[in-house]
């Protein structure tokens, strides 16, 4: 039977043995960590966008037609744009991590051998 908050308050918290049994049965009381894609994965996803593919194709066409300056300029511009996209994605991931941390629940614990914390 699961202990309620009222039951814990009356009895003074969980015993160390009961807390250890619950930890073994249910695992730690923590949210799973979010997995973040690596930089190469983000770059690959950004480069597969239709607009970038079109620009890569146009740069290849410039190079194939012998317009070296225009082709290199277009490739450099596309690379800069992909870099900015990766930078912005990284900032977004960090902001989301901060929001997850702020929104994660905090709870104290009560053990019979120690005063409540929290």
PDB file of N, CA and C in Angstrom:
ATOM      1  N   UNK A   1       0.839  -1.190   0.000  1.00  0.00           N
ATOM      2  CA  UNK A   1       0.000   0.000   0.000  1.00  0.00           C
ATOM      3  C   UNK A   1       0.881   1.250   0.000  1.00  0.00           C
ATOM      4  N   UNK A   2       0.574   2.199  -0.850  1.00  0.00           N
ATOM      5  CA  UNK A   2       1.366   3.419  -0.961  1.00  0.00           C
ATOM      6  C   UNK A   2       1.064   4.344   0.204  1.00  0.00           C
ATOM      7  N   UNK A   3       2.105   4.984   0.724  1.00  0.00           N
ATOM      8  CA  UNK A   3       1.929   5.934   1.810  1.00  0.00           C
ATOM      9  C   UNK A   3       1.426   7.245   1.257  1.00  0.00           C
ATOM     10  N   UNK A   4       0.489   7.851   1.955  1.00  0.00           N
ATOM     11  CA  UNK A   4       0.010   9.175   1.561  1.00  0.00           C
ATOM     12  C   UNK A   4       0.793  10.224   2.329  1.00  0.00           C
ATOM     13  N   UNK A   5       0.685  11.475   1.925  1.00  0.00           N
ATOM     14  CA  UNK A   5       1.372  12.562   2.623  1.00  0.00           C
ATOM     15  C   UNK A   5       0.904  12.623   4.071  1.00  0.00           C
ATOM     16  N   UNK A   6      -0.402  12.386   4.292  1.00  0.00           N
ATOM     17  CA  UNK A   6      -0.961  12.420   5.637  1.00  0.00           C
ATOM     18  C   UNK A   6      -0.336  11.318   6.483  1.00  0.00           C
ATOM     19  N   UNK A   7      -0.222  10.144   5.902  1.00  0.00           N
ATOM     20  CA  UNK A   7       0.343   8.992   6.605  1.00  0.00           C
ATOM     21  C   UNK A   7       1.804   9.250   6.963  1.00  0.00           C
ATOM     22  N   UNK A   8       2.559   9.864   6.058  1.00  0.00           N
ATOM     23  CA  UNK A   8       3.960  10.171   6.318  1.00  0.00           C
ATOM     24  C   UNK A   8       4.070  11.185   7.438  1.00  0.00           C
ATOM     25  N   UNK A   9       3.218  12.219   7.431  1.00  0.00           N
ATOM     26  CA  UNK A   9       3.251  13.234   8.471  1.00  0.00           C
ATOM     27  C   UNK A   9       2.948  12.624   9.843  1.00  0.00           C
ATOM     28  N   UNK A  10       2.014  11.689   9.907  1.00  0.00           N
ATOM     29  CA  UNK A  10       1.641  11.069  11.176  1.00  0.00           C
ATOM     30  C   UNK A  10       2.768  10.180  11.699  1.00  0.00           C
ATOM     31  N   UNK A  11       3.362   9.408  10.822  1.00  0.00           N
ATOM     32  CA  UNK A  11       4.356   8.425  11.243  1.00  0.00           C
ATOM     33  C   UNK A  11       5.781   8.961  11.229  1.00  0.00           C
ATOM     34  N   UNK A  12       6.011  10.170  10.789  1.00  0.00           N
ATOM     35  CA  UNK A  12       7.344  10.750  10.836  1.00  0.00           C
ATOM     36  C   UNK A  12       8.247  10.398   9.673  1.00  0.00           C
ATOM     37  N   UNK A  13       7.705   9.949   8.576  1.00  0.00           N
ATOM     38  CA  UNK A  13       8.518   9.692   7.397  1.00  0.00           C
ATOM     39  C   UNK A  13       8.765   8.217   7.178  1.00  0.00           C
ATOM     40  N   UNK A  14       9.461   7.922   6.081  1.00  0.00           N
ATOM     41  CA  UNK A  14       9.778   6.542   5.731  1.00  0.00           C
ATOM     42  C   UNK A  14      11.003   6.084   6.506  1.00  0.00           C
ATOM     43  N   UNK A  15      11.046   4.820   6.793  1.00  0.00           N
ATOM     44  CA  UNK A  15      12.262   4.265   7.383  1.00  0.00           C
ATOM     45  C   UNK A  15      13.290   4.126   6.266  1.00  0.00           C
ATOM     46  N   UNK A  16      14.553   4.025   6.650  1.00  0.00           N
ATOM     47  CA  UNK A  16      15.610   3.855   5.658  1.00  0.00           C
ATOM     48  C   UNK A  16      15.391   2.576   4.849  1.00  0.00           C
ATOM     49  N   UNK A  17      14.938   1.525   5.488  1.00  0.00           N
ATOM     50  CA  UNK A  17      14.719   0.250   4.795  1.00  0.00           C
ATOM     51  C   UNK A  17      13.599   0.380   3.760  1.00  0.00           C
ATOM     52  N   UNK A  18      12.500   1.038   4.151  1.00  0.00           N
ATOM     53  CA  UNK A  18      11.378   1.204   3.217  1.00  0.00           C
ATOM     54  C   UNK A  18      11.781   2.109   2.045  1.00  0.00           C
ATOM     55  N   UNK A  19      12.552   3.148   2.332  1.00  0.00           N
ATOM     56  CA  UNK A  19      13.026   4.036   1.273  1.00  0.00           C
ATOM     57  C   UNK A  19      13.940   3.274   0.316  1.00  0.00           C
ATOM     58  N   UNK A  20      14.802   2.404   0.848  1.00  0.00           N
ATOM     59  CA  UNK A  20      15.694   1.609  -0.004  1.00  0.00           C
ATOM     60  C   UNK A  20      14.894   0.630  -0.858  1.00  0.00           C
ATOM     61  N   UNK A  21      13.849   0.012  -0.280  1.00  0.00           N
ATOM     62  CA  UNK A  21      13.006  -0.909  -1.061  1.00  0.00           C
ATOM     63  C   UNK A  21      12.310  -0.172  -2.196  1.00  0.00           C
ATOM     64  N   UNK A  22      11.792   1.002  -1.908  1.00  0.00           N
ATOM     65  CA  UNK A  22      11.108   1.779  -2.960  1.00  0.00           C
ATOM     66  C   UNK A  22      12.079   2.211  -4.045  1.00  0.00           C
ATOM     67  N   UNK A  23      13.290   2.588  -3.642  1.00  0.00           N
ATOM     68  CA  UNK A  23      14.294   2.978  -4.626  1.00  0.00           C
ATOM     69  C   UNK A  23      14.641   1.802  -5.526  1.00  0.00           C
ATOM     70  N   UNK A  24      14.776   0.620  -4.932  1.00  0.00           N
ATOM     71  CA  UNK A  24      15.094  -0.567  -5.729  1.00  0.00           C
ATOM     72  C   UNK A  24      13.936  -0.952  -6.648  1.00  0.00           C
ATOM     73  N   UNK A  25      12.705  -0.814  -6.164  1.00  0.00           N
ATOM     74  CA  UNK A  25      11.538  -1.221  -6.955  1.00  0.00           C
ATOM     75  C   UNK A  25      11.181  -0.199  -8.034  1.00  0.00           C
ATOM     76  N   UNK A  26      11.236   1.092  -7.697  1.00  0.00           N
ATOM     77  CA  UNK A  26      10.738   2.131  -8.607  1.00  0.00           C
ATOM     78  C   UNK A  26      11.828   2.958  -9.268  1.00  0.00           C
ATOM     79  N   UNK A  27      13.050   2.865  -8.790  1.00  0.00           N
ATOM     80  CA  UNK A  27      14.126   3.675  -9.335  1.00  0.00           C
ATOM     81  C   UNK A  27      14.152   5.046  -8.687  1.00  0.00           C
ATOM     82  N   UNK A  28      15.111   5.871  -9.084  1.00  0.00           N
ATOM     83  CA  UNK A  28      15.221   7.202  -8.468  1.00  0.00           C
ATOM     84  C   UNK A  28      14.047   8.099  -8.858  1.00  0.00           C
ATOM     85  N   UNK A  29      13.753   9.030  -7.993  1.00  0.00           N
ATOM     86  CA  UNK A  29      12.661   9.971  -8.223  1.00  0.00           C
ATOM     87  C   UNK A  29      13.198  11.146  -9.037  1.00  0.00           C
ATOM     88  N   UNK A  30      13.382  10.902 -10.343  1.00  0.00           N
ATOM     89  CA  UNK A  30      13.958  11.920 -11.218  1.00  0.00           C
ATOM     90  C   UNK A  30      13.356  11.787 -12.612  1.00  0.00           C
ATOM     91  N   UNK A  31      13.251  12.916 -13.284  1.00  0.00           N
ATOM     92  CA  UNK A  31      12.790  12.912 -14.665  1.00  0.00           C
ATOM     93  C   UNK A  31      13.911  12.420 -15.566  1.00  0.00           C
ATOM     94  N   UNK A  32      13.583  11.712 -16.646  1.00  0.00           N
ATOM     95  CA  UNK A  32      14.634  11.270 -17.558  1.00  0.00           C
ATOM     96  C   UNK A  32      15.276  12.472 -18.251  1.00  0.00           C
ATOM     97  N   UNK A  33      16.570  12.370 -18.459  1.00  0.00           N
ATOM     98  CA  UNK A  33      17.296  13.454 -19.122  1.00  0.00           C
ATOM     99  C   UNK A  33      16.947  13.467 -20.616  1.00  0.00           C
ATOM    100  N   UNK A  34      16.791  14.650 -21.154  1.00  0.00           N
ATOM    101  CA  UNK A  34      16.491  14.791 -22.582  1.00  0.00           C
ATOM    102  C   UNK A  34      17.763  14.540 -23.383  1.00  0.00           C
ATOM    103  N   UNK A  35      17.635  13.791 -24.455  1.00  0.00           N
ATOM    104  CA  UNK A  35      18.790  13.562 -25.313  1.00  0.00           C
ATOM    105  C   UNK A  35      18.859  14.672 -26.353  1.00  0.00           C
ATOM    106  N   UNK A  36      20.068  15.165 -26.561  1.00  0.00           N
ATOM    107  CA  UNK A  36      20.262  16.237 -27.528  1.00  0.00           C
ATOM    108  C   UNK A  36      21.056  15.708 -28.701  1.00  0.00           C
ATOM    109  N   UNK A  37      20.617  16.043 -29.907  1.00  0.00           N
ATOM    110  CA  UNK A  37      21.378  15.589 -31.078  1.00  0.00           C
ATOM    111  C   UNK A  37      22.731  16.298 -31.145  1.00  0.00           C
ATOM    112  N   UNK A  38      23.704  15.610 -31.712  1.00  0.00           N
ATOM    113  CA  UNK A  38      25.044  16.175 -31.836  1.00  0.00           C
ATOM    114  C   UNK A  38      25.107  17.259 -32.909  1.00  0.00           C
ATOM    115  N   UNK A  39      26.231  17.946 -32.940  1.00  0.00           N
ATOM    116  CA  UNK A  39      26.425  19.038 -33.891  1.00  0.00           C
ATOM    117  C   UNK A  39      26.374  18.545 -35.333  1.00  0.00           C
ATOM    118  N   UNK A  40      26.988  17.390 -35.585  1.00  0.00           N
ATOM    119  CA  UNK A  40      26.973  16.870 -36.956  1.00  0.00           C
ATOM    120  C   UNK A  40      25.552  16.506 -37.385  1.00  0.00           C
ATOM    121  N   UNK A  41      24.758  15.977 -36.464  1.00  0.00           N
ATOM    122  CA  UNK A  41      23.363  15.631 -36.779  1.00  0.00           C
ATOM    123  C   UNK A  41      22.553  16.894 -37.092  1.00  0.00           C
ATOM    124  N   UNK A  42      22.752  17.927 -36.292  1.00  0.00           N
ATOM    125  CA  UNK A  42      22.053  19.194 -36.539  1.00  0.00           C
ATOM    126  C   UNK A  42      22.467  19.802 -37.882  1.00  0.00           C
ATOM    127  N   UNK A  43      23.765  19.736 -38.189  1.00  0.00           N
ATOM    128  CA  UNK A  43      24.247  20.282 -39.463  1.00  0.00           C
ATOM    129  C   UNK A  43      23.647  19.508 -40.633  1.00  0.00           C
ATOM    130  N   UNK A  44      23.579  18.188 -40.510  1.00  0.00           N
ATOM    131  CA  UNK A  44      23.008  17.361 -41.573  1.00  0.00           C
ATOM    132  C   UNK A  44      21.532  17.696 -41.783  1.00  0.00           C
ATOM    133  N   UNK A  45      20.791  17.838 -40.678  1.00  0.00           N
ATOM    134  CA  UNK A  45      19.366  18.173 -40.794  1.00  0.00           C
ATOM    135  C   UNK A  45      19.167  19.550 -41.416  1.00  0.00           C
ATOM    136  N   UNK A  46      20.010  20.504 -41.049  1.00  0.00           N
ATOM    137  CA  UNK A  46      19.891  21.856 -41.620  1.00  0.00           C
ATOM    138  C   UNK A  46      20.224  21.846 -43.108  1.00  0.00           C
ATOM    139  N   UNK A  47      21.263  21.094 -43.483  1.00  0.00           N
ATOM    140  CA  UNK A  47      21.679  21.057 -44.888  1.00  0.00           C
ATOM    141  C   UNK A  47      20.671  20.337 -45.768  1.00  0.00           C
ATOM    142  N   UNK A  48      19.801  19.530 -45.187  1.00  0.00           N
ATOM    143  CA  UNK A  48      18.796  18.800 -45.962  1.00  0.00           C
ATOM    144  C   UNK A  48      17.520  19.610 -46.184  1.00  0.00           C
ATOM    145  N   UNK A  49      17.469  20.813 -45.663  1.00  0.00           N
ATOM    146  CA  UNK A  49      16.306  21.677 -45.900  1.00  0.00           C
ATOM    147  C   UNK A  49      16.209  21.964 -47.403  1.00  0.00           C
ATOM    148  N   UNK A  50      15.006  22.017 -47.955  1.00  0.00           N
ATOM    149  CA  UNK A  50      14.853  22.231 -49.399  1.00  0.00           C
ATOM    150  C   UNK A  50      15.527  23.504 -49.921  1.00  0.00           C
ATOM    151  N   UNK A  51      15.467  24.587 -49.160  1.00  0.00           N
ATOM    152  CA  UNK A  51      16.086  25.835 -49.634  1.00  0.00           C
ATOM    153  C   UNK A  51      17.600  25.691 -49.716  1.00  0.00           C
ATOM    154  N   UNK A  52      18.199  25.043 -48.724  1.00  0.00           N
ATOM    155  CA  UNK A  52      19.643  24.841 -48.762  1.00  0.00           C
ATOM    156  C   UNK A  52      20.036  23.909 -49.904  1.00  0.00           C
ATOM    157  N   UNK A  53      19.244  22.879 -50.148  1.00  0.00           N
ATOM    158  CA  UNK A  53      19.529  21.971 -51.260  1.00  0.00           C
ATOM    159  C   UNK A  53      19.472  22.725 -52.595  1.00  0.00           C
ATOM    160  N   UNK A  54      18.506  23.616 -52.724  1.00  0.00           N
ATOM    161  CA  UNK A  54      18.401  24.425 -53.936  1.00  0.00           C
ATOM    162  C   UNK A  54      19.629  25.323 -54.100  1.00  0.00           C
ATOM    163  N   UNK A  55      20.058  25.934 -53.000  1.00  0.00           N
ATOM    164  CA  UNK A  55      21.231  26.811 -53.064  1.00  0.00           C
ATOM    165  C   UNK A  55      22.504  26.021 -53.354  1.00  0.00           C
ATOM    166  N   UNK A  56      22.642  24.825 -52.766  1.00  0.00           N
ATOM    167  CA  UNK A  56      23.791  23.967 -53.088  1.00  0.00           C
ATOM    168  C   UNK A  56      23.780  23.597 -54.569  1.00  0.00           C
ATOM    169  N   UNK A  57      22.603  23.278 -55.085  1.00  0.00           N
ATOM    170  CA  UNK A  57      22.478  22.957 -56.510  1.00  0.00           C
ATOM    171  C   UNK A  57      22.858  24.131 -57.389  1.00  0.00           C
ATOM    172  N   UNK A  58      22.419  25.330 -57.016  1.00  0.00           N
ATOM    173  CA  UNK A  58      22.762  26.530 -57.789  1.00  0.00           C
ATOM    174  C   UNK A  58      24.266  26.782 -57.744  1.00  0.00           C
ATOM    175  N   UNK A  59      24.884  26.572 -56.577  1.00  0.00           N
ATOM    176  CA  UNK A  59      26.337  26.758 -56.463  1.00  0.00           C
ATOM    177  C   UNK A  59      27.066  25.738 -57.336  1.00  0.00           C
ATOM    178  N   UNK A  60      26.584  24.501 -57.334  1.00  0.00           N
ATOM    179  CA  UNK A  60      27.200  23.466 -58.174  1.00  0.00           C
ATOM    180  C   UNK A  60      27.062  23.827 -59.646  1.00  0.00           C
ATOM    181  N   UNK A  61      25.915  24.373 -60.019  1.00  0.00           N
ATOM    182  CA  UNK A  61      25.696  24.784 -61.403  1.00  0.00           C
ATOM    183  C   UNK A  61      26.645  25.927 -61.781  1.00  0.00           C
ATOM    184  N   UNK A  62      26.806  26.909 -60.886  1.00  0.00           N
ATOM    185  CA  UNK A  62      27.759  27.995 -61.134  1.00  0.00           C
ATOM    186  C   UNK A  62      29.161  27.425 -61.359  1.00  0.00           C
ATOM    187  N   UNK A  63      29.566  26.499 -60.480  1.00  0.00           N
ATOM    188  CA  UNK A  63      30.908  25.919 -60.599  1.00  0.00           C
ATOM    189  C   UNK A  63      31.055  25.109 -61.886  1.00  0.00           C
ATOM    190  N   UNK A  64      30.005  24.378 -62.256  1.00  0.00           N
ATOM    191  CA  UNK A  64      30.055  23.569 -63.482  1.00  0.00           C
ATOM    192  C   UNK A  64      30.129  24.447 -64.722  1.00  0.00           C
ATOM    193  N   UNK A  65      29.535  25.630 -64.670  1.00  0.00           N
ATOM    194  CA  UNK A  65      29.556  26.547 -65.813  1.00  0.00           C
ATOM    195  C   UNK A  65      30.812  27.414 -65.837  1.00  0.00           C
ATOM    196  N   UNK A  66      31.691  27.209 -64.856  1.00  0.00           N
ATOM    197  CA  UNK A  66      32.935  27.959 -64.841  1.00  0.00           C
ATOM    198  C   UNK A  66      32.867  29.289 -64.121  1.00  0.00           C
ATOM    199  N   UNK A  67      31.777  29.591 -63.478  1.00  0.00           N
ATOM    200  CA  UNK A  67      31.635  30.841 -62.710  1.00  0.00           C
ATOM    201  C   UNK A  67      32.145  30.586 -61.291  1.00  0.00           C
ATOM    202  N   UNK A  68      33.450  30.480 -61.158  1.00  0.00           N
ATOM    203  CA  UNK A  68      34.083  30.100 -59.903  1.00  0.00           C
ATOM    204  C   UNK A  68      33.772  31.084 -58.771  1.00  0.00           C
ATOM    205  N   UNK A  69      33.876  32.382 -59.061  1.00  0.00           N
ATOM    206  CA  UNK A  69      33.652  33.393 -58.026  1.00  0.00           C
ATOM    207  C   UNK A  69      32.226  33.333 -57.471  1.00  0.00           C
ATOM    208  N   UNK A  70      31.248  33.251 -58.365  1.00  0.00           N
ATOM    209  CA  UNK A  70      29.854  33.215 -57.921  1.00  0.00           C
ATOM    210  C   UNK A  70      29.552  31.919 -57.159  1.00  0.00           C
ATOM    211  N   UNK A  71      30.091  30.800 -57.641  1.00  0.00           N
ATOM    212  CA  UNK A  71      29.869  29.519 -56.980  1.00  0.00           C
ATOM    213  C   UNK A  71      30.443  29.491 -55.572  1.00  0.00           C
ATOM    214  N   UNK A  72      31.668  29.992 -55.434  1.00  0.00           N
ATOM    215  CA  UNK A  72      32.293  30.023 -54.101  1.00  0.00           C
ATOM    216  C   UNK A  72      31.552  30.984 -53.179  1.00  0.00           C
ATOM    217  N   UNK A  73      31.146  32.131 -53.722  1.00  0.00           N
ATOM    218  CA  UNK A  73      30.395  33.091 -52.906  1.00  0.00           C
ATOM    219  C   UNK A  73      29.084  32.493 -52.410  1.00  0.00           C
ATOM    220  N   UNK A  74      28.377  31.798 -53.297  1.00  0.00           N
ATOM    221  CA  UNK A  74      27.109  31.187 -52.906  1.00  0.00           C
ATOM    222  C   UNK A  74      27.335  30.087 -51.866  1.00  0.00           C
ATOM    223  N   UNK A  75      28.359  29.259 -52.041  1.00  0.00           N
ATOM    224  CA  UNK A  75      28.670  28.218 -51.057  1.00  0.00           C
ATOM    225  C   UNK A  75      29.043  28.830 -49.700  1.00  0.00           C
ATOM    226  N   UNK A  76      29.807  29.909 -49.711  1.00  0.00           N
ATOM    227  CA  UNK A  76      30.181  30.569 -48.457  1.00  0.00           C
ATOM    228  C   UNK A  76      28.953  31.140 -47.752  1.00  0.00           C
ATOM    229  N   UNK A  77      28.049  31.717 -48.524  1.00  0.00           N
ATOM    230  CA  UNK A  77      26.819  32.262 -47.950  1.00  0.00           C
ATOM    231  C   UNK A  77      25.967  31.159 -47.347  1.00  0.00           C
ATOM    232  N   UNK A  78      25.860  30.036 -48.048  1.00  0.00           N
ATOM    233  CA  UNK A  78      25.086  28.903 -47.529  1.00  0.00           C
ATOM    234  C   UNK A  78      25.736  28.368 -46.254  1.00  0.00           C
ATOM    235  N   UNK A  79      27.060  28.252 -46.245  1.00  0.00           N
ATOM    236  CA  UNK A  79      27.767  27.767 -45.060  1.00  0.00           C
ATOM    237  C   UNK A  79      27.549  28.705 -43.873  1.00  0.00           C
ATOM    238  N   UNK A  80      27.585  30.006 -44.134  1.00  0.00           N
ATOM    239  CA  UNK A  80      27.334  30.979 -43.069  1.00  0.00           C
ATOM    240  C   UNK A  80      25.914  30.828 -42.522  1.00  0.00           C
ATOM    241  N   UNK A  81      24.959  30.662 -43.396  1.00  0.00           N
ATOM    242  CA  UNK A  81      23.569  30.510 -42.973  1.00  0.00           C
ATOM    243  C   UNK A  81      23.371  29.231 -42.168  1.00  0.00           C
ATOM    244  N   UNK A  82      23.986  28.134 -42.598  1.00  0.00           N
ATOM    245  CA  UNK A  82      23.903  26.878 -41.832  1.00  0.00           C
ATOM    246  C   UNK A  82      24.555  27.068 -40.465  1.00  0.00           C
ATOM    247  N   UNK A  83      25.685  27.757 -40.418  1.00  0.00           N
ATOM    248  CA  UNK A  83      26.352  28.032 -39.142  1.00  0.00           C
ATOM    249  C   UNK A  83      25.479  28.838 -38.203  1.00  0.00           C
ATOM    250  N   UNK A  84      24.822  29.860 -38.733  1.00  0.00           N
ATOM    251  CA  UNK A  84      23.909  30.658 -37.905  1.00  0.00           C
ATOM    252  C   UNK A  84      22.726  29.818 -37.414  1.00  0.00           C
ATOM    253  N   UNK A  85      22.236  28.935 -38.264  1.00  0.00           N
ATOM    254  CA  UNK A  85      21.144  28.043 -37.876  1.00  0.00           C
ATOM    255  C   UNK A  85      21.583  27.133 -36.728  1.00  0.00           C
ATOM    256  N   UNK A  86      22.790  26.587 -36.824  1.00  0.00           N
ATOM    257  CA  UNK A  86      23.304  25.726 -35.756  1.00  0.00           C
ATOM    258  C   UNK A  86      23.490  26.500 -34.457  1.00  0.00           C
ATOM    259  N   UNK A  87      24.001  27.707 -34.554  1.00  0.00           N
ATOM    260  CA  UNK A  87      24.187  28.549 -33.368  1.00  0.00           C
ATOM    261  C   UNK A  87      22.850  28.827 -32.692  1.00  0.00           C
ATOM    262  N   UNK A  88      21.850  29.175 -33.493  1.00  0.00           N
ATOM    263  CA  UNK A  88      20.527  29.480 -32.943  1.00  0.00           C
ATOM    264  C   UNK A  88      19.896  28.229 -32.330  1.00  0.00           C
ATOM    265  N   UNK A  89      20.076  27.085 -32.975  1.00  0.00           N
ATOM    266  CA  UNK A  89      19.546  25.832 -32.443  1.00  0.00           C
ATOM    267  C   UNK A  89      20.200  25.502 -31.104  1.00  0.00           C
ATOM    268  N   UNK A  90      21.490  25.742 -30.998  1.00  0.00           N
ATOM    269  CA  UNK A  90      22.204  25.492 -29.746  1.00  0.00           C
ATOM    270  C   UNK A  90      21.674  26.385 -28.628  1.00  0.00           C
ATOM    271  N   UNK A  91      21.462  27.655 -28.932  1.00  0.00           N
ATOM    272  CA  UNK A  91      20.904  28.573 -27.933  1.00  0.00           C
ATOM    273  C   UNK A  91      19.505  28.140 -27.520  1.00  0.00           C
ATOM    274  N   UNK A  92      18.718  27.676 -28.477  1.00  0.00           N
ATOM    275  CA  UNK A  92      17.360  27.215 -28.176  1.00  0.00           C
ATOM    276  C   UNK A  92      17.391  26.005 -27.256  1.00  0.00           C
ATOM    277  N   UNK A  93      18.287  25.059 -27.516  1.00  0.00           N
ATOM    278  CA  UNK A  93      18.410  23.867 -26.666  1.00  0.00           C
ATOM    279  C   UNK A  93      18.805  24.248 -25.245  1.00  0.00           C
ATOM    280  N   UNK A  94      19.746  25.186 -25.104  1.00  0.00           N
ATOM    281  CA  UNK A  94      20.158  25.627 -23.771  1.00  0.00           C
ATOM    282  C   UNK A  94      19.002  26.306 -23.039  1.00  0.00           C
ATOM    283  N   UNK A  95      18.235  27.108 -23.745  1.00  0.00           N
ATOM    284  CA  UNK A  95      17.084  27.768 -23.123  1.00  0.00           C
ATOM    285  C   UNK A  95      16.050  26.736 -22.681  1.00  0.00           C
ATOM    286  N   UNK A  96      15.810  25.724 -23.510  1.00  0.00           N
ATOM    287  CA  UNK A  96      14.869  24.671 -23.135  1.00  0.00           C
ATOM    288  C   UNK A  96      15.360  23.884 -21.930  1.00  0.00           C
ATOM    289  N   UNK A  97      16.663  23.632 -21.863  1.00  0.00           N
ATOM    290  CA  UNK A  97      17.219  22.951 -20.694  1.00  0.00           C
ATOM    291  C   UNK A  97      17.007  23.777 -19.432  1.00  0.00           C
ATOM    292  N   UNK A  98      17.217  25.081 -19.534  1.00  0.00           N
ATOM    293  CA  UNK A  98      16.996  25.957 -18.382  1.00  0.00           C
ATOM    294  C   UNK A  98      15.533  25.950 -17.953  1.00  0.00           C
ATOM    295  N   UNK A  99      14.628  25.978 -18.920  1.00  0.00           N
ATOM    296  CA  UNK A  99      13.199  25.928 -18.592  1.00  0.00           C
ATOM    297  C   UNK A  99      12.821  24.600 -17.952  1.00  0.00           C
ATOM    298  N   UNK A 100      13.398  23.496 -18.445  1.00  0.00           N
ATOM    299  CA  UNK A 100      13.132  22.193 -17.831  1.00  0.00           C
ATOM    300  C   UNK A 100      13.606  22.179 -16.385  1.00  0.00           C
ATOM    301  N   UNK A 101      14.777  22.770 -16.158  1.00  0.00           N
ATOM    302  CA  UNK A 101      15.326  22.808 -14.801  1.00  0.00           C
ATOM    303  C   UNK A 101      14.435  23.647 -13.884  1.00  0.00           C
ATOM    304  N   UNK A 102      13.953  24.774 -14.384  1.00  0.00           N
ATOM    305  CA  UNK A 102      13.069  25.613 -13.579  1.00  0.00           C
ATOM    306  C   UNK A 102      11.731  24.937 -13.316  1.00  0.00           C
ATOM    307  N   UNK A 103      11.272  24.167 -14.283  1.00  0.00           N
ATOM    308  CA  UNK A 103       9.962  23.535 -14.150  1.00  0.00           C
ATOM    309  C   UNK A 103       9.985  22.183 -13.473  1.00  0.00           C
ATOM    310  N   UNK A 104      11.185  21.678 -13.127  1.00  0.00           N
ATOM    311  CA  UNK A 104      11.231  20.358 -12.508  1.00  0.00           C
ATOM    312  C   UNK A 104      10.731  20.442 -11.076  1.00  0.00           C
ATOM    313  N   UNK A 105       9.964  19.455 -10.679  1.00  0.00           N
ATOM    314  CA  UNK A 105       9.407  19.488  -9.327  1.00  0.00           C
ATOM    315  C   UNK A 105      10.490  19.310  -8.276  1.00  0.00           C
ATOM    316  N   UNK A 106      10.309  19.968  -7.159  1.00  0.00           N
ATOM    317  CA  UNK A 106      11.206  19.846  -6.010  1.00  0.00           C
ATOM    318  C   UNK A 106      10.386  19.287  -4.857  1.00  0.00           C
ATOM    319  N   UNK A 107      10.955  18.333  -4.178  1.00  0.00           N
ATOM    320  CA  UNK A 107      10.245  17.750  -3.043  1.00  0.00           C
ATOM    321  C   UNK A 107      11.238  17.449  -1.939  1.00  0.00           C
ATOM    322  N   UNK A 108      10.787  17.631  -0.748  1.00  0.00           N
ATOM    323  CA  UNK A 108      11.603  17.261   0.398  1.00  0.00           C
ATOM    324  C   UNK A 108      11.383  15.788   0.706  1.00  0.00           C
ATOM    325  N   UNK A 109      12.147  15.298   1.639  1.00  0.00           N
ATOM    326  CA  UNK A 109      11.970  13.912   2.039  1.00  0.00           C
ATOM    327  C   UNK A 109      11.911  13.860   3.547  1.00  0.00           C
ATOM    328  N   UNK A 110      11.227  12.874   4.035  1.00  0.00           N
ATOM    329  CA  UNK A 110      11.137  12.680   5.479  1.00  0.00           C
ATOM    330  C   UNK A 110      11.607  11.266   5.788  1.00  0.00           C
ATOM    331  N   UNK A 111      12.584  11.179   6.663  1.00  0.00           N
ATOM    332  CA  UNK A 111      13.077   9.894   7.144  1.00  0.00           C
ATOM    333  C   UNK A 111      12.918   9.891   8.662  1.00  0.00           C
ATOM    334  N   UNK A 112      12.718   8.753   9.182  1.00  0.00           N
ATOM    335  CA  UNK A 112      12.558   8.666  10.640  1.00  0.00           C
ATOM    336  C   UNK A 112      13.818   9.075  11.364  1.00  0.00           C
ATOM    337  N   UNK A 113      14.987   8.838  10.743  1.00  0.00           N
ATOM    338  CA  UNK A 113      16.245   9.127  11.417  1.00  0.00           C
ATOM    339  C   UNK A 113      16.703  10.569  11.228  1.00  0.00           C
ATOM    340  N   UNK A 114      16.059  11.340  10.321  1.00  0.00           N
ATOM    341  CA  UNK A 114      16.496  12.709  10.035  1.00  0.00           C
ATOM    342  C   UNK A 114      15.283  13.623   9.976  1.00  0.00           C
ATOM    343  N   UNK A 115      15.499  14.910  10.241  1.00  0.00           N
ATOM    344  CA  UNK A 115      14.376  15.864  10.074  1.00  0.00           C
ATOM    345  C   UNK A 115      14.048  16.039   8.601  1.00  0.00           C
ATOM    346  N   UNK A 116      12.825  16.472   8.269  1.00  0.00           N
ATOM    347  CA  UNK A 116      12.444  16.675   6.861  1.00  0.00           C
ATOM    348  C   UNK A 116      13.346  17.702   6.198  1.00  0.00           C
ATOM    349  N   UNK A 117      13.633  17.467   4.905  1.00  0.00           N
ATOM    350  CA  UNK A 117      14.416  18.425   4.131  1.00  0.00           C
ATOM    351  C   UNK A 117      13.562  18.926   2.998  1.00  0.00           C
ATOM    352  N   UNK A 118      14.015  19.957   2.323  1.00  0.00           N
ATOM    353  CA  UNK A 118      13.253  20.403   1.168  1.00  0.00           C
ATOM    354  C   UNK A 118      13.369  21.808   0.987  1.00  0.00           C
TER     355      UNK A 118
END
